[in-house]
Amino acid sequence: MINEYDSVVLVRCVEGIPAGTSGAVLMVFDNGNAYECEFFDGEESLGTVTVKCECLRLVERYVET
């Protein structure tokens, strides 16, 4: 399961944000069936959207230091 603060990438277009866009998970809903994510183009935020689990791929787990 993807967790809060993990790095993710979209595997399909969601709300005008293209597949391949990187983001971070802000909240987890319904035991991982959906996520609130913020997506970025470089350092610029493209906004936050709620995304179903099948639209995301985990890139890197968040590790608290």
Protein backbone atom coordinates (compact mmCIF):
# COMPACT_ATOMS: atom_id res chain seq x y z
CA MET A 1 0.00 0.00 0.00
CA ILE A 2 1.10 3.55 -0.71
CA ASN A 3 1.41 5.70 2.42
CA GLU A 4 1.34 9.40 3.32
CA TYR A 5 4.33 11.36 1.99
CA ASP A 6 5.39 8.62 -0.45
CA SER A 7 6.53 9.77 -3.89
CA VAL A 8 4.25 8.63 -6.70
CA VAL A 9 3.75 9.03 -10.44
CA LEU A 10 0.48 9.11 -12.38
CA VAL A 11 0.02 6.18 -14.75
CA ARG A 12 -2.92 7.87 -16.54
CA CYS A 13 -4.20 11.41 -17.02
CA VAL A 14 -6.24 12.71 -14.06
CA GLU A 15 -8.08 16.05 -14.09
CA GLY A 16 -5.84 17.38 -16.86
CA ILE A 17 -2.60 16.32 -15.17
CA PRO A 18 -0.78 14.06 -17.65
CA ALA A 19 0.41 10.51 -17.06
CA GLY A 20 4.05 10.47 -15.96
CA THR A 21 3.67 13.47 -13.64
CA SER A 22 5.37 13.10 -10.25
CA GLY A 23 3.75 13.91 -6.94
CA ALA A 24 3.51 13.27 -3.23
CA VAL A 25 0.75 11.63 -1.21
CA LEU A 26 -0.85 14.00 1.30
CA MET A 27 -3.67 11.79 2.62
CA VAL A 28 -4.81 8.16 2.32
CA PHE A 29 -8.55 7.39 2.01
CA ASP A 30 -10.57 4.19 2.36
CA ASN A 31 -7.63 1.94 3.30
CA GLY A 32 -5.65 2.90 0.21
CA ASN A 33 -8.40 2.89 -2.40
CA ALA A 34 -7.87 6.62 -3.01
CA TYR A 35 -5.26 9.26 -2.23
CA GLU A 36 -5.05 13.04 -2.02
CA CYS A 37 -1.88 13.93 -3.92
CA GLU A 38 -0.04 17.07 -4.92
CA PHE A 39 1.58 16.94 -8.35
CA PHE A 40 4.50 18.98 -9.66
CA ASP A 41 6.03 20.23 -12.89
CA GLY A 42 9.61 20.74 -11.76
CA GLU A 43 9.25 22.87 -8.63
CA GLU A 44 5.83 24.29 -9.61
CA SER A 45 2.74 22.74 -8.03
CA LEU A 46 0.06 21.65 -10.47
CA GLY A 47 -2.41 21.34 -7.60
CA THR A 48 -3.89 18.69 -5.38
CA VAL A 49 -6.33 16.05 -6.59
CA THR A 50 -7.98 12.93 -5.25
CA VAL A 51 -6.71 9.93 -7.21
CA LYS A 52 -7.84 6.29 -7.27
CA CYS A 53 -5.17 3.72 -6.43
CA GLU A 54 -5.08 2.29 -9.97
CA CYS A 55 -3.96 5.69 -11.31
CA LEU A 56 -0.75 5.75 -9.23
CA ARG A 57 2.58 3.96 -9.14
CA LEU A 58 4.85 4.12 -6.11
CA VAL A 59 8.22 5.72 -6.89
CA GLU A 60 9.82 5.96 -3.46
CA ARG A 61 8.71 5.33 0.10
CA TYR A 62 8.94 8.20 2.57
CA VAL A 63 11.45 7.49 5.33
CA GLU A 64 11.35 9.76 8.37
CA THR A 65 14.81 10.92 9.41
